[in-house]
Amino acid sequence: LLGTKEALKATVNTLRARLEFTRAEFERAKALSGKGATSQQAFERARSEFESSKALLSQAEAQLSFSLITAAQSGTVIRRDGELGQLISSNQPVVWLSVDS
């Protein structure tokens, strides 16, 4: 079973691949629509799938970016007040560091 961060990375990679596929489908539908070789419904469906894929990828990338915790200084973690996958406030202490000198 993947950890939360690994699962998010896998989701982002999957959604990137889906975005590229739906982008290609949309471009193909747009070209065919311009020639009158496809229905408006097929064009709108391809556009909708492409836009949906962009939104899903953006959401997953935002979630992944929130999974990174950075410290102002390097040190050793001496206490952890959070659990993997737990939602925390932006100013809530999660770990306590012993700062390296």
N, C-alpha and C. Protein backbone atom coordinates (compact mmCIF):
# COMPACT_ATOMS: atom_id res chain seq x y z
N LEU A 1 0.84 -1.18 0.00
CA LEU A 1 0.00 0.00 0.00
C LEU A 1 0.88 1.24 0.00
N LEU A 2 0.58 2.18 -0.89
CA LEU A 2 1.37 3.39 -0.98
C LEU A 2 1.06 4.34 0.15
N GLY A 3 2.09 5.10 0.58
CA GLY A 3 1.86 6.16 1.56
C GLY A 3 1.12 7.31 0.88
N THR A 4 0.68 8.25 1.67
CA THR A 4 -0.12 9.36 1.15
C THR A 4 0.62 10.14 0.07
N LYS A 5 1.88 10.50 0.33
CA LYS A 5 2.63 11.29 -0.65
C LYS A 5 2.88 10.49 -1.93
N GLU A 6 3.22 9.22 -1.79
CA GLU A 6 3.46 8.38 -2.96
C GLU A 6 2.18 8.20 -3.77
N ALA A 7 1.06 8.07 -3.08
CA ALA A 7 -0.22 7.94 -3.77
C ALA A 7 -0.55 9.22 -4.52
N LEU A 8 -0.28 10.36 -3.91
CA LEU A 8 -0.52 11.64 -4.59
C LEU A 8 0.36 11.80 -5.82
N LYS A 9 1.63 11.38 -5.70
CA LYS A 9 2.54 11.45 -6.85
C LYS A 9 2.03 10.56 -7.99
N ALA A 10 1.56 9.37 -7.64
CA ALA A 10 1.02 8.46 -8.65
C ALA A 10 -0.22 9.06 -9.31
N THR A 11 -1.07 9.69 -8.51
CA THR A 11 -2.26 10.34 -9.06
C THR A 11 -1.88 11.47 -10.00
N VAL A 12 -0.92 12.29 -9.60
CA VAL A 12 -0.46 13.39 -10.47
C VAL A 12 0.07 12.83 -11.79
N ASN A 13 0.87 11.78 -11.74
CA ASN A 13 1.41 11.19 -12.96
C ASN A 13 0.30 10.64 -13.86
N THR A 14 -0.67 10.00 -13.24
CA THR A 14 -1.80 9.47 -14.01
C THR A 14 -2.58 10.59 -14.67
N LEU A 15 -2.82 11.67 -13.91
CA LEU A 15 -3.59 12.79 -14.44
C LEU A 15 -2.82 13.55 -15.52
N ARG A 16 -1.49 13.59 -15.42
CA ARG A 16 -0.69 14.20 -16.49
C ARG A 16 -0.84 13.40 -17.79
N ALA A 17 -0.81 12.10 -17.68
CA ALA A 17 -1.00 11.26 -18.87
C ALA A 17 -2.40 11.45 -19.44
N ARG A 18 -3.39 11.51 -18.57
CA ARG A 18 -4.77 11.74 -19.02
C ARG A 18 -4.91 13.09 -19.70
N LEU A 19 -4.24 14.11 -19.15
CA LEU A 19 -4.29 15.44 -19.76
C LEU A 19 -3.71 15.42 -21.17
N GLU A 20 -2.59 14.76 -21.35
CA GLU A 20 -1.99 14.68 -22.68
C GLU A 20 -2.91 13.95 -23.67
N PHE A 21 -3.55 12.89 -23.20
CA PHE A 21 -4.48 12.16 -24.07
C PHE A 21 -5.67 13.04 -24.44
N THR A 22 -6.27 13.69 -23.43
CA THR A 22 -7.45 14.51 -23.72
C THR A 22 -7.08 15.75 -24.54
N ARG A 23 -5.86 16.26 -24.38
CA ARG A 23 -5.40 17.38 -25.20
C ARG A 23 -5.33 16.95 -26.68
N ALA A 24 -4.77 15.77 -26.91
CA ALA A 24 -4.68 15.26 -28.28
C ALA A 24 -6.07 15.01 -28.87
N GLU A 25 -6.97 14.46 -28.07
CA GLU A 25 -8.34 14.22 -28.53
C GLU A 25 -9.04 15.54 -28.86
N PHE A 26 -8.84 16.54 -28.02
CA PHE A 26 -9.46 17.85 -28.26
C PHE A 26 -8.91 18.48 -29.53
N GLU A 27 -7.60 18.44 -29.71
CA GLU A 27 -6.99 19.01 -30.92
C GLU A 27 -7.50 18.30 -32.17
N ARG A 28 -7.64 16.99 -32.08
CA ARG A 28 -8.16 16.21 -33.22
C ARG A 28 -9.61 16.59 -33.50
N ALA A 29 -10.42 16.69 -32.45
CA ALA A 29 -11.83 17.06 -32.63
C ALA A 29 -11.97 18.48 -33.17
N LYS A 30 -11.09 19.38 -32.72
CA LYS A 30 -11.13 20.76 -33.21
C LYS A 30 -10.81 20.81 -34.70
N ALA A 31 -9.80 20.05 -35.11
CA ALA A 31 -9.43 20.02 -36.53
C ALA A 31 -10.56 19.43 -37.37
N LEU A 32 -11.16 18.35 -36.87
CA LEU A 32 -12.26 17.72 -37.62
C LEU A 32 -13.49 18.62 -37.65
N SER A 33 -13.74 19.31 -36.55
CA SER A 33 -14.88 20.22 -36.49
C SER A 33 -14.72 21.37 -37.48
N GLY A 34 -13.49 21.86 -37.61
CA GLY A 34 -13.20 22.94 -38.56
C GLY A 34 -13.45 22.52 -39.99
N LYS A 35 -13.35 21.23 -40.27
CA LYS A 35 -13.59 20.70 -41.62
C LYS A 35 -15.02 20.19 -41.78
N GLY A 36 -15.80 20.28 -40.70
CA GLY A 36 -17.17 19.78 -40.75
C GLY A 36 -17.25 18.27 -40.75
N ALA A 37 -16.20 17.60 -40.26
CA ALA A 37 -16.13 16.14 -40.31
C ALA A 37 -16.52 15.48 -39.00
N THR A 38 -16.98 16.25 -38.03
CA THR A 38 -17.44 15.68 -36.76
C THR A 38 -18.59 16.52 -36.22
N SER A 39 -19.31 15.96 -35.31
CA SER A 39 -20.47 16.68 -34.76
C SER A 39 -20.02 17.70 -33.71
N GLN A 40 -20.86 18.68 -33.50
CA GLN A 40 -20.61 19.68 -32.46
C GLN A 40 -20.58 19.00 -31.09
N GLN A 41 -21.41 18.01 -30.92
CA GLN A 41 -21.46 17.28 -29.65
C GLN A 41 -20.13 16.59 -29.36
N ALA A 42 -19.53 15.97 -30.37
CA ALA A 42 -18.24 15.29 -30.19
C ALA A 42 -17.15 16.31 -29.86
N PHE A 43 -17.19 17.46 -30.52
CA PHE A 43 -16.24 18.52 -30.24
C PHE A 43 -16.39 19.02 -28.81
N GLU A 44 -17.63 19.28 -28.38
CA GLU A 44 -17.89 19.77 -27.02
C GLU A 44 -17.48 18.75 -25.97
N ARG A 45 -17.71 17.48 -26.24
CA ARG A 45 -17.32 16.42 -25.31
C ARG A 45 -15.80 16.39 -25.15
N ALA A 46 -15.08 16.48 -26.26
CA ALA A 46 -13.61 16.47 -26.21
C ALA A 46 -13.10 17.70 -25.46
N ARG A 47 -13.71 18.85 -25.69
CA ARG A 47 -13.31 20.07 -25.00
C ARG A 47 -13.57 19.95 -23.50
N SER A 48 -14.72 19.41 -23.16
CA SER A 48 -15.09 19.24 -21.76
C SER A 48 -14.14 18.28 -21.05
N GLU A 49 -13.78 17.19 -21.69
CA GLU A 49 -12.85 16.22 -21.10
C GLU A 49 -11.48 16.85 -20.88
N PHE A 50 -11.05 17.66 -21.85
CA PHE A 50 -9.76 18.33 -21.75
C PHE A 50 -9.76 19.32 -20.59
N GLU A 51 -10.80 20.13 -20.48
CA GLU A 51 -10.90 21.11 -19.40
C GLU A 51 -10.99 20.42 -18.04
N SER A 52 -11.74 19.34 -17.98
CA SER A 52 -11.86 18.57 -16.74
C SER A 52 -10.51 17.98 -16.33
N SER A 53 -9.76 17.48 -17.29
CA SER A 53 -8.44 16.91 -17.01
C SER A 53 -7.50 17.97 -16.46
N LYS A 54 -7.54 19.18 -17.03
CA LYS A 54 -6.69 20.27 -16.54
C LYS A 54 -7.03 20.59 -15.08
N ALA A 55 -8.32 20.67 -14.78
CA ALA A 55 -8.75 21.01 -13.42
C ALA A 55 -8.35 19.93 -12.42
N LEU A 56 -8.53 18.67 -12.79
CA LEU A 56 -8.17 17.57 -11.89
C LEU A 56 -6.67 17.54 -11.62
N LEU A 57 -5.87 17.77 -12.66
CA LEU A 57 -4.42 17.79 -12.48
C LEU A 57 -4.01 18.96 -11.58
N SER A 58 -4.59 20.10 -11.79
CA SER A 58 -4.28 21.27 -10.97
C SER A 58 -4.60 21.00 -9.49
N GLN A 59 -5.73 20.38 -9.24
CA GLN A 59 -6.13 20.05 -7.87
C GLN A 59 -5.15 19.05 -7.24
N ALA A 60 -4.78 18.03 -7.97
CA ALA A 60 -3.86 17.01 -7.45
C ALA A 60 -2.48 17.60 -7.19
N GLU A 61 -2.00 18.48 -8.09
CA GLU A 61 -0.71 19.12 -7.88
C GLU A 61 -0.73 20.02 -6.64
N ALA A 62 -1.84 20.70 -6.42
CA ALA A 62 -1.97 21.54 -5.22
C ALA A 62 -1.93 20.67 -3.96
N GLN A 63 -2.64 19.55 -3.98
CA GLN A 63 -2.63 18.65 -2.83
C GLN A 63 -1.22 18.13 -2.56
N LEU A 64 -0.51 17.80 -3.63
CA LEU A 64 0.86 17.29 -3.48
C LEU A 64 1.76 18.37 -2.90
N SER A 65 1.60 19.60 -3.34
CA SER A 65 2.45 20.68 -2.83
C SER A 65 2.20 20.92 -1.35
N PHE A 66 1.00 20.65 -0.88
CA PHE A 66 0.69 20.82 0.53
C PHE A 66 1.27 19.71 1.40
N SER A 67 1.79 18.67 0.79
CA SER A 67 2.32 17.54 1.56
C SER A 67 3.78 17.75 1.97
N LEU A 68 4.38 18.83 1.53
CA LEU A 68 5.78 19.09 1.84
C LEU A 68 5.88 20.05 3.02
N ILE A 69 6.65 19.65 4.02
CA ILE A 69 6.90 20.50 5.18
C ILE A 69 8.37 20.90 5.14
N THR A 70 8.63 22.19 5.24
CA THR A 70 10.02 22.66 5.24
C THR A 70 10.31 23.37 6.56
N ALA A 71 11.56 23.30 6.96
CA ALA A 71 12.00 23.94 8.20
C ALA A 71 12.91 25.11 7.86
N ALA A 72 12.95 26.10 8.76
CA ALA A 72 13.79 27.27 8.55
C ALA A 72 15.27 26.93 8.69
N GLN A 73 15.58 25.90 9.48
CA GLN A 73 16.96 25.49 9.70
C GLN A 73 17.05 23.97 9.67
N SER A 74 18.26 23.47 9.46
CA SER A 74 18.43 22.02 9.51
C SER A 74 18.55 21.59 10.97
N GLY A 75 18.17 20.38 11.24
CA GLY A 75 18.22 19.88 12.60
C GLY A 75 17.71 18.45 12.66
N THR A 76 17.50 17.98 13.87
CA THR A 76 17.01 16.64 14.11
C THR A 76 15.61 16.73 14.71
N VAL A 77 14.71 15.96 14.17
CA VAL A 77 13.34 15.95 14.70
C VAL A 77 13.37 15.27 16.07
N ILE A 78 12.87 15.97 17.09
CA ILE A 78 12.85 15.40 18.44
C ILE A 78 11.42 15.11 18.91
N ARG A 79 10.43 15.68 18.21
CA ARG A 79 9.04 15.42 18.57
C ARG A 79 8.17 15.68 17.35
N ARG A 80 7.17 14.84 17.18
CA ARG A 80 6.25 14.98 16.05
C ARG A 80 4.83 15.08 16.62
N ASP A 81 4.13 16.16 16.26
CA ASP A 81 2.77 16.36 16.74
C ASP A 81 1.71 16.11 15.67
N GLY A 82 2.09 15.55 14.57
CA GLY A 82 1.14 15.28 13.49
C GLY A 82 1.30 13.86 12.98
N GLU A 83 0.30 13.40 12.28
CA GLU A 83 0.32 12.06 11.69
C GLU A 83 0.26 12.17 10.17
N LEU A 84 0.80 11.18 9.51
CA LEU A 84 0.78 11.12 8.06
C LEU A 84 -0.66 11.21 7.55
N GLY A 85 -0.92 12.15 6.65
CA GLY A 85 -2.25 12.30 6.08
C GLY A 85 -3.15 13.25 6.84
N GLN A 86 -2.70 13.71 8.00
CA GLN A 86 -3.51 14.62 8.81
C GLN A 86 -3.48 16.02 8.20
N LEU A 87 -4.64 16.69 8.18
CA LEU A 87 -4.71 18.07 7.73
C LEU A 87 -4.32 18.98 8.88
N ILE A 88 -3.47 19.96 8.60
CA ILE A 88 -3.02 20.88 9.63
C ILE A 88 -3.17 22.31 9.15
N SER A 89 -3.24 23.24 10.09
CA SER A 89 -3.28 24.66 9.76
C SER A 89 -1.90 25.11 9.31
N SER A 90 -1.84 26.22 8.59
CA SER A 90 -0.56 26.67 8.06
C SER A 90 0.42 27.09 9.16
N ASN A 91 -0.05 27.54 10.30
CA ASN A 91 0.86 27.98 11.37
C ASN A 91 0.90 27.02 12.55
N GLN A 92 0.38 25.84 12.40
CA GLN A 92 0.36 24.86 13.48
C GLN A 92 1.69 24.11 13.54
N PRO A 93 2.33 24.05 14.71
CA PRO A 93 3.57 23.27 14.82
C PRO A 93 3.27 21.78 14.59
N VAL A 94 4.11 21.15 13.81
CA VAL A 94 3.93 19.73 13.51
C VAL A 94 5.09 18.93 14.05
N VAL A 95 6.29 19.48 13.92
CA VAL A 95 7.48 18.80 14.44
C VAL A 95 8.30 19.79 15.25
N TRP A 96 9.06 19.26 16.17
CA TRP A 96 9.98 20.05 16.99
C TRP A 96 11.39 19.62 16.61
N LEU A 97 12.25 20.61 16.38
CA LEU A 97 13.60 20.32 15.94
C LEU A 97 14.63 20.69 17.00
N SER A 98 15.68 19.89 17.04
CA SER A 98 16.88 20.27 17.77
C SER A 98 17.82 20.78 16.68
N VAL A 99 18.10 22.07 16.73
CA VAL A 99 18.86 22.71 15.64
C VAL A 99 20.34 22.33 15.72
N ASP A 100 20.88 21.93 14.56
CA ASP A 100 22.30 21.61 14.46
C ASP A 100 23.12 22.90 14.55
N SER A 101 24.26 22.85 15.25
CA SER A 101 25.07 24.06 15.32
C SER A 101 26.25 24.00 14.40
